[in-house]
PDB file of N, CA and C in Angstrom:
ATOM      1  N   UNK A   1    -123.444  -5.760  28.501  1.00  0.00           N
ATOM      2  CA  UNK A   1    -122.067  -5.352  28.632  1.00  0.00           C
ATOM      3  C   UNK A   1    -121.402  -6.390  29.679  1.00  0.00           C
ATOM      4  N   UNK A   2    -120.194  -6.893  29.189  1.00  0.00           N
ATOM      5  CA  UNK A   2    -119.537  -7.828  30.033  1.00  0.00           C
ATOM      6  C   UNK A   2    -119.029  -7.084  31.291  1.00  0.00           C
ATOM      7  N   UNK A   3    -119.308  -7.548  32.511  1.00  0.00           N
ATOM      8  CA  UNK A   3    -118.784  -6.984  33.757  1.00  0.00           C
ATOM      9  C   UNK A   3    -117.294  -7.007  33.855  1.00  0.00           C
ATOM     10  N   UNK A   4    -116.623  -7.738  33.217  1.00  0.00           N
ATOM     11  CA  UNK A   4    -115.059  -7.815  33.313  1.00  0.00           C
ATOM     12  C   UNK A   4    -114.418  -6.808  32.309  1.00  0.00           C
ATOM     13  N   UNK A   5    -115.264  -6.337  31.425  1.00  0.00           N
ATOM     14  CA  UNK A   5    -114.670  -5.386  30.486  1.00  0.00           C
ATOM     15  C   UNK A   5    -114.282  -4.078  31.051  1.00  0.00           C
ATOM     16  N   UNK A   6    -113.324  -3.439  30.531  1.00  0.00           N
ATOM     17  CA  UNK A   6    -112.873  -2.173  30.946  1.00  0.00           C
ATOM     18  C   UNK A   6    -113.877  -1.010  30.830  1.00  0.00           C
ATOM     19  N   UNK A   7    -113.936  -0.133  31.763  1.00  0.00           N
ATOM     20  CA  UNK A   7    -114.981   1.057  31.781  1.00  0.00           C
ATOM     21  C   UNK A   7    -114.035   2.229  31.857  1.00  0.00           C
ATOM     22  N   UNK A   8    -114.034   3.141  30.840  1.00  0.00           N
ATOM     23  CA  UNK A   8    -113.294   4.401  30.728  1.00  0.00           C
ATOM     24  C   UNK A   8    -111.778   4.107  30.501  1.00  0.00           C
ATOM     25  N   UNK A   9    -111.151   5.125  30.695  1.00  0.00           N
ATOM     26  CA  UNK A   9    -109.573   5.073  30.526  1.00  0.00           C
ATOM     27  C   UNK A   9    -108.831   4.791  31.689  1.00  0.00           C
ATOM     28  N   UNK A  10    -109.497   4.620  32.902  1.00  0.00           N
ATOM     29  CA  UNK A  10    -108.702   4.410  34.131  1.00  0.00           C
ATOM     30  C   UNK A  10    -108.408   2.876  34.362  1.00  0.00           C
ATOM     31  N   UNK A  11    -108.841   2.034  33.459  1.00  0.00           N
ATOM     32  CA  UNK A  11    -108.652   0.484  33.649  1.00  0.00           C
ATOM     33  C   UNK A  11    -109.690  -0.029  34.501  1.00  0.00           C
ATOM     34  N   UNK A  12    -110.474   0.665  35.179  1.00  0.00           N
ATOM     35  CA  UNK A  12    -111.540   0.042  36.054  1.00  0.00           C
ATOM     36  C   UNK A  12    -112.472  -0.710  35.207  1.00  0.00           C
ATOM     37  N   UNK A  13    -112.957  -1.925  35.735  1.00  0.00           N
ATOM     38  CA  UNK A  13    -113.877  -2.736  35.085  1.00  0.00           C
ATOM     39  C   UNK A  13    -115.272  -2.271  35.298  1.00  0.00           C
ATOM     40  N   UNK A  14    -116.269  -2.672  34.430  1.00  0.00           N
ATOM     41  CA  UNK A  14    -117.520  -2.313  34.642  1.00  0.00           C
ATOM     42  C   UNK A  14    -118.137  -2.758  36.017  1.00  0.00           C
ATOM     43  N   UNK A  15    -117.693  -3.997  36.392  1.00  0.00           N
ATOM     44  CA  UNK A  15    -118.135  -4.611  37.764  1.00  0.00           C
ATOM     45  C   UNK A  15    -117.662  -3.628  38.840  1.00  0.00           C
ATOM     46  N   UNK A  16    -116.371  -3.227  38.810  1.00  0.00           N
ATOM     47  CA  UNK A  16    -115.778  -2.507  39.968  1.00  0.00           C
ATOM     48  C   UNK A  16    -116.494  -1.132  39.961  1.00  0.00           C
ATOM     49  N   UNK A  17    -116.836  -0.548  38.779  1.00  0.00           N
ATOM     50  CA  UNK A  17    -117.719   0.691  38.769  1.00  0.00           C
ATOM     51  C   UNK A  17    -119.018   0.534  39.293  1.00  0.00           C
ATOM     52  N   UNK A  18    -119.711  -0.561  39.055  1.00  0.00           N
ATOM     53  CA  UNK A  18    -121.018  -0.886  39.599  1.00  0.00           C
ATOM     54  C   UNK A  18    -120.967  -1.090  41.075  1.00  0.00           C
ATOM     55  N   UNK A  19    -119.941  -1.859  41.558  1.00  0.00           N
ATOM     56  CA  UNK A  19    -119.657  -2.008  43.047  1.00  0.00           C
ATOM     57  C   UNK A  19    -119.587  -0.633  43.649  1.00  0.00           C
ATOM     58  N   UNK A  20    -118.718   0.217  43.072  1.00  0.00           N
ATOM     59  CA  UNK A  20    -118.718   1.708  43.780  1.00  0.00           C
ATOM     60  C   UNK A  20    -119.983   2.323  43.746  1.00  0.00           C
ATOM     61  N   UNK A  21    -120.653   2.274  42.769  1.00  0.00           N
ATOM     62  CA  UNK A  21    -122.058   2.934  42.801  1.00  0.00           C
ATOM     63  C   UNK A  21    -122.868   2.419  43.750  1.00  0.00           C
ATOM     64  N   UNK A  22    -122.825   1.089  43.925  1.00  0.00           N
ATOM     65  CA  UNK A  22    -123.613   0.314  45.037  1.00  0.00           C
ATOM     66  C   UNK A  22    -123.337   0.726  46.437  1.00  0.00           C
ATOM     67  N   UNK A  23    -121.893   0.841  46.675  1.00  0.00           N
ATOM     68  CA  UNK A  23    -121.492   1.295  47.839  1.00  0.00           C
ATOM     69  C   UNK A  23    -121.907   2.897  48.129  1.00  0.00           C
ATOM     70  N   UNK A  24    -121.795   3.644  47.260  1.00  0.00           N
ATOM     71  CA  UNK A  24    -122.264   5.044  47.400  1.00  0.00           C
ATOM     72  C   UNK A  24    -123.826   5.109  47.577  1.00  0.00           C
ATOM     73  N   UNK A  25    -124.596   4.424  47.067  1.00  0.00           N
ATOM     74  CA  UNK A  25    -125.900   4.344  47.236  1.00  0.00           C
ATOM     75  C   UNK A  25    -126.273   3.870  48.704  1.00  0.00           C
ATOM     76  N   UNK A  26    -125.482   2.821  49.197  1.00  0.00           N
ATOM     77  CA  UNK A  26    -125.684   2.408  50.626  1.00  0.00           C
ATOM     78  C   UNK A  26    -125.379   3.482  51.511  1.00  0.00           C
ATOM     79  N   UNK A  27    -124.299   4.138  51.199  1.00  0.00           N
ATOM     80  CA  UNK A  27    -123.860   5.259  52.171  1.00  0.00           C
ATOM     81  C   UNK A  27    -124.943   6.390  52.133  1.00  0.00           C
ATOM     82  N   UNK A  28    -125.442   6.711  51.009  1.00  0.00           N
ATOM     83  CA  UNK A  28    -126.464   7.805  51.004  1.00  0.00           C
ATOM     84  C   UNK A  28    -127.790   7.331  51.841  1.00  0.00           C
ATOM     85  N   UNK A  29    -128.134   6.019  51.579  1.00  0.00           N
ATOM     86  CA  UNK A  29    -129.263   5.480  52.381  1.00  0.00           C
ATOM     87  C   UNK A  29    -129.021   5.610  53.806  1.00  0.00           C
ATOM     88  N   UNK A  30    -127.835   5.198  54.267  1.00  0.00           N
ATOM     89  CA  UNK A  30    -127.604   5.217  55.841  1.00  0.00           C
ATOM     90  C   UNK A  30    -127.576   6.844  56.209  1.00  0.00           C
ATOM     91  N   UNK A  31    -126.894   7.566  55.341  1.00  0.00           N
ATOM     92  CA  UNK A  31    -126.924   8.926  55.791  1.00  0.00           C
ATOM     93  C   UNK A  31    -128.243   9.627  55.858  1.00  0.00           C
ATOM     94  N   UNK A  32    -129.088   9.173  54.980  1.00  0.00           N
ATOM     95  CA  UNK A  32    -130.644   9.607  55.118  1.00  0.00           C
ATOM     96  C   UNK A  32    -131.224   9.216  56.498  1.00  0.00           C
ATOM     97  N   UNK A  33    -131.042   8.052  56.797  1.00  0.00           N
ATOM     98  CA  UNK A  33    -131.659   7.443  58.202  1.00  0.00           C
ATOM     99  C   UNK A  33    -131.067   8.341  59.349  1.00  0.00           C
ATOM    100  N   UNK A  34    -129.554   8.520  59.325  1.00  0.00           N
ATOM    101  CA  UNK A  34    -129.024   9.162  60.469  1.00  0.00           C
ATOM    102  C   UNK A  34    -129.295  10.671  60.460  1.00  0.00           C
ATOM    103  N   UNK A  35    -129.693  11.281  59.394  1.00  0.00           N
ATOM    104  CA  UNK A  35    -129.869  12.679  59.331  1.00  0.00           C
ATOM    105  C   UNK A  35    -131.314  13.091  59.132  1.00  0.00           C
ATOM    106  N   UNK A  36    -132.300  12.137  59.523  1.00  0.00           N
ATOM    107  CA  UNK A  36    -133.618  12.435  59.301  1.00  0.00           C
ATOM    108  C   UNK A  36    -134.063  13.757  59.804  1.00  0.00           C
ATOM    109  N   UNK A  37    -133.673  14.259  60.931  1.00  0.00           N
ATOM    110  CA  UNK A  37    -134.133  15.485  61.526  1.00  0.00           C
ATOM    111  C   UNK A  37    -133.028  16.419  61.719  1.00  0.00           C
ATOM    112  N   UNK A  38    -131.990  16.151  60.829  1.00  0.00           N
ATOM    113  CA  UNK A  38    -130.747  17.000  60.992  1.00  0.00           C
ATOM    114  C   UNK A  38    -130.967  18.525  60.939  1.00  0.00           C
ATOM    115  N   UNK A  39    -131.630  19.051  59.953  1.00  0.00           N
ATOM    116  CA  UNK A  39    -131.751  20.466  59.822  1.00  0.00           C
ATOM    117  C   UNK A  39    -132.469  21.104  61.102  1.00  0.00           C
ATOM    118  N   UNK A  40    -133.409  20.405  61.495  1.00  0.00           N
ATOM    119  CA  UNK A  40    -134.260  21.015  62.626  1.00  0.00           C
ATOM    120  C   UNK A  40    -133.430  21.137  63.952  1.00  0.00           C
ATOM    121  N   UNK A  41    -132.411  20.167  64.058  1.00  0.00           N
ATOM    122  CA  UNK A  41    -131.649  20.185  65.371  1.00  0.00           C
ATOM    123  C   UNK A  41    -130.394  21.084  65.339  1.00  0.00           C
ATOM    124  N   UNK A  42    -129.988  21.513  64.115  1.00  0.00           N
ATOM    125  CA  UNK A  42    -128.691  22.162  63.979  1.00  0.00           C
ATOM    126  C   UNK A  42    -128.992  23.589  64.489  1.00  0.00           C
ATOM    127  N   UNK A  43    -127.888  23.957  65.274  1.00  0.00           N
ATOM    128  CA  UNK A  43    -127.733  25.329  65.631  1.00  0.00           C
ATOM    129  C   UNK A  43    -127.537  26.277  64.355  1.00  0.00           C
ATOM    130  N   UNK A  44    -127.998  27.501  64.495  1.00  0.00           N
ATOM    131  CA  UNK A  44    -127.915  28.275  63.188  1.00  0.00           C
ATOM    132  C   UNK A  44    -126.424  28.460  62.536  1.00  0.00           C
ATOM    133  N   UNK A  45    -125.380  28.591  63.503  1.00  0.00           N
ATOM    134  CA  UNK A  45    -124.161  28.658  62.962  1.00  0.00           C
ATOM    135  C   UNK A  45    -123.682  27.319  62.264  1.00  0.00           C
ATOM    136  N   UNK A  46    -124.045  26.184  62.870  1.00  0.00           N
ATOM    137  CA  UNK A  46    -123.713  24.925  62.215  1.00  0.00           C
ATOM    138  C   UNK A  46    -124.449  24.750  60.844  1.00  0.00           C
ATOM    139  N   UNK A  47    -125.661  25.311  60.799  1.00  0.00           N
ATOM    140  CA  UNK A  47    -126.487  25.048  59.466  1.00  0.00           C
ATOM    141  C   UNK A  47    -125.833  25.919  58.522  1.00  0.00           C
ATOM    142  N   UNK A  48    -125.409  27.147  58.670  1.00  0.00           N
ATOM    143  CA  UNK A  48    -124.617  27.864  57.712  1.00  0.00           C
ATOM    144  C   UNK A  48    -123.353  27.194  57.295  1.00  0.00           C
ATOM    145  N   UNK A  49    -122.569  26.630  58.199  1.00  0.00           N
ATOM    146  CA  UNK A  49    -121.414  25.821  57.822  1.00  0.00           C
ATOM    147  C   UNK A  49    -121.719  24.690  57.015  1.00  0.00           C
ATOM    148  N   UNK A  50    -122.729  24.029  57.338  1.00  0.00           N
ATOM    149  CA  UNK A  50    -123.136  22.780  56.751  1.00  0.00           C
ATOM    150  C   UNK A  50    -123.531  23.204  55.253  1.00  0.00           C
ATOM    151  N   UNK A  51    -124.242  24.112  55.034  1.00  0.00           N
ATOM    152  CA  UNK A  51    -124.658  24.500  53.662  1.00  0.00           C
ATOM    153  C   UNK A  51    -123.373  24.991  52.828  1.00  0.00           C
ATOM    154  N   UNK A  52    -122.523  25.787  53.489  1.00  0.00           N
ATOM    155  CA  UNK A  52    -121.339  26.064  52.965  1.00  0.00           C
ATOM    156  C   UNK A  52    -120.418  24.810  52.477  1.00  0.00           C
ATOM    157  N   UNK A  53    -120.307  23.856  53.417  1.00  0.00           N
ATOM    158  CA  UNK A  53    -119.513  22.741  53.156  1.00  0.00           C
ATOM    159  C   UNK A  53    -120.362  21.925  52.006  1.00  0.00           C
ATOM    160  N   UNK A  54    -121.537  21.895  51.975  1.00  0.00           N
ATOM    161  CA  UNK A  54    -122.232  21.078  51.040  1.00  0.00           C
ATOM    162  C   UNK A  54    -122.098  21.682  49.678  1.00  0.00           C
ATOM    163  N   UNK A  55    -122.159  23.026  49.558  1.00  0.00           N
ATOM    164  CA  UNK A  55    -121.821  23.698  48.311  1.00  0.00           C
ATOM    165  C   UNK A  55    -120.598  23.314  47.696  1.00  0.00           C
ATOM    166  N   UNK A  56    -119.559  23.266  48.594  1.00  0.00           N
ATOM    167  CA  UNK A  56    -118.277  23.053  48.165  1.00  0.00           C
ATOM    168  C   UNK A  56    -117.921  21.464  47.865  1.00  0.00           C
ATOM    169  N   UNK A  57    -118.426  20.561  48.707  1.00  0.00           N
ATOM    170  CA  UNK A  57    -118.027  19.190  48.659  1.00  0.00           C
ATOM    171  C   UNK A  57    -119.184  18.345  48.379  1.00  0.00           C
ATOM    172  N   UNK A  58    -120.390  18.815  48.436  1.00  0.00           N
ATOM    173  CA  UNK A  58    -121.605  17.865  48.252  1.00  0.00           C
ATOM    174  C   UNK A  58    -122.314  17.546  49.531  1.00  0.00           C
ATOM    175  N   UNK A  59    -123.448  17.072  49.436  1.00  0.00           N
ATOM    176  CA  UNK A  59    -124.134  16.729  50.742  1.00  0.00           C
ATOM    177  C   UNK A  59    -123.741  15.645  51.583  1.00  0.00           C
ATOM    178  N   UNK A  60    -123.159  14.730  51.036  1.00  0.00           N
ATOM    179  CA  UNK A  60    -122.519  13.693  51.765  1.00  0.00           C
ATOM    180  C   UNK A  60    -121.443  14.066  52.663  1.00  0.00           C
ATOM    181  N   UNK A  61    -120.595  14.817  52.186  1.00  0.00           N
ATOM    182  CA  UNK A  61    -119.413  15.445  52.868  1.00  0.00           C
ATOM    183  C   UNK A  61    -119.917  16.349  53.914  1.00  0.00           C
ATOM    184  N   UNK A  62    -120.875  17.302  53.561  1.00  0.00           N
ATOM    185  CA  UNK A  62    -121.516  18.174  54.615  1.00  0.00           C
ATOM    186  C   UNK A  62    -122.262  17.475  55.716  1.00  0.00           C
ATOM    187  N   UNK A  63    -122.923  16.400  55.529  1.00  0.00           N
ATOM    188  CA  UNK A  63    -123.589  15.648  56.524  1.00  0.00           C
ATOM    189  C   UNK A  63    -122.623  14.995  57.362  1.00  0.00           C
ATOM    190  N   UNK A  64    -121.638  14.356  56.715  1.00  0.00           N
ATOM    191  CA  UNK A  64    -120.569  13.663  57.465  1.00  0.00           C
ATOM    192  C   UNK A  64    -119.944  14.576  58.524  1.00  0.00           C
ATOM    193  N   UNK A  65    -119.591  15.703  57.983  1.00  0.00           N
ATOM    194  CA  UNK A  65    -118.886  16.793  58.808  1.00  0.00           C
ATOM    195  C   UNK A  65    -119.875  16.938  60.070  1.00  0.00           C
ATOM    196  N   UNK A  66    -121.187  17.286  59.831  1.00  0.00           N
ATOM    197  CA  UNK A  66    -121.971  17.588  60.939  1.00  0.00           C
ATOM    198  C   UNK A  66    -122.087  16.387  61.963  1.00  0.00           C
ATOM    199  N   UNK A  67    -122.381  15.200  61.338  1.00  0.00           N
ATOM    200  CA  UNK A  67    -122.541  14.025  62.221  1.00  0.00           C
ATOM    201  C   UNK A  67    -121.230  13.830  63.245  1.00  0.00           C
ATOM    202  N   UNK A  68    -120.074  14.006  62.532  1.00  0.00           N
ATOM    203  CA  UNK A  68    -118.851  13.873  63.352  1.00  0.00           C
ATOM    204  C   UNK A  68    -118.690  14.966  64.375  1.00  0.00           C
ATOM    205  N   UNK A  69    -119.027  16.214  63.981  1.00  0.00           N
ATOM    206  CA  UNK A  69    -118.951  17.405  64.852  1.00  0.00           C
ATOM    207  C   UNK A  69    -120.040  17.108  66.085  1.00  0.00           C
ATOM    208  N   UNK A  70    -121.164  16.579  65.781  1.00  0.00           N
ATOM    209  CA  UNK A  70    -122.151  16.437  66.860  1.00  0.00           C
ATOM    210  C   UNK A  70    -121.966  15.103  67.705  1.00  0.00           C
ATOM    211  N   UNK A  71    -120.821  14.362  67.464  1.00  0.00           N
ATOM    212  CA  UNK A  71    -120.490  13.180  68.139  1.00  0.00           C
ATOM    213  C   UNK A  71    -121.246  11.961  67.607  1.00  0.00           C
ATOM    214  N   UNK A  72    -121.851  12.026  66.492  1.00  0.00           N
ATOM    215  CA  UNK A  72    -122.518  10.869  65.781  1.00  0.00           C
ATOM    216  C   UNK A  72    -121.671  10.511  64.599  1.00  0.00           C
ATOM    217  N   UNK A  73    -120.639   9.750  64.755  1.00  0.00           N
ATOM    218  CA  UNK A  73    -119.758   9.366  63.654  1.00  0.00           C
ATOM    219  C   UNK A  73    -120.645   8.622  62.558  1.00  0.00           C
ATOM    220  N   UNK A  74    -120.246   8.960  61.370  1.00  0.00           N
ATOM    221  CA  UNK A  74    -120.919   8.456  60.234  1.00  0.00           C
ATOM    222  C   UNK A  74    -120.205   7.320  59.732  1.00  0.00           C
ATOM    223  N   UNK A  75    -120.757   6.019  59.611  1.00  0.00           N
ATOM    224  CA  UNK A  75    -120.031   4.965  59.173  1.00  0.00           C
ATOM    225  C   UNK A  75    -120.676   4.541  57.780  1.00  0.00           C
ATOM    226  N   UNK A  76    -120.015   4.907  56.751  1.00  0.00           N
ATOM    227  CA  UNK A  76    -120.588   4.618  55.425  1.00  0.00           C
ATOM    228  C   UNK A  76    -120.561   3.003  55.058  1.00  0.00           C
ATOM    229  N   UNK A  77    -119.679   2.262  55.933  1.00  0.00           N
ATOM    230  CA  UNK A  77    -119.461   0.830  55.534  1.00  0.00           C
ATOM    231  C   UNK A  77    -118.472   0.583  54.493  1.00  0.00           C
ATOM    232  N   UNK A  78    -117.685   1.669  54.173  1.00  0.00           N
ATOM    233  CA  UNK A  78    -116.638   1.613  53.175  1.00  0.00           C
ATOM    234  C   UNK A  78    -115.299   1.682  53.967  1.00  0.00           C
ATOM    235  N   UNK A  79    -114.631   0.637  53.861  1.00  0.00           N
ATOM    236  CA  UNK A  79    -113.287   0.524  54.625  1.00  0.00           C
ATOM    237  C   UNK A  79    -112.160   0.542  53.635  1.00  0.00           C
TER     238      UNK A  79
END
């Protein structure tokens, strides 16, 4: 498939979609490194809030919330 060809109805190219996937993968890898012992360190109330947020918005958003709350800002590298 040609990287410059359109992907879907949004007008996004195959290459831009692949770049987006690559950025998301890098964000998940960094998140995994930052949250290696996350569950064990969370107070029970935060753990409940984390799982509620994860159910609604996904694990990335839930983990970002907790890292920011605990003073460990998450930098996904996406600006």
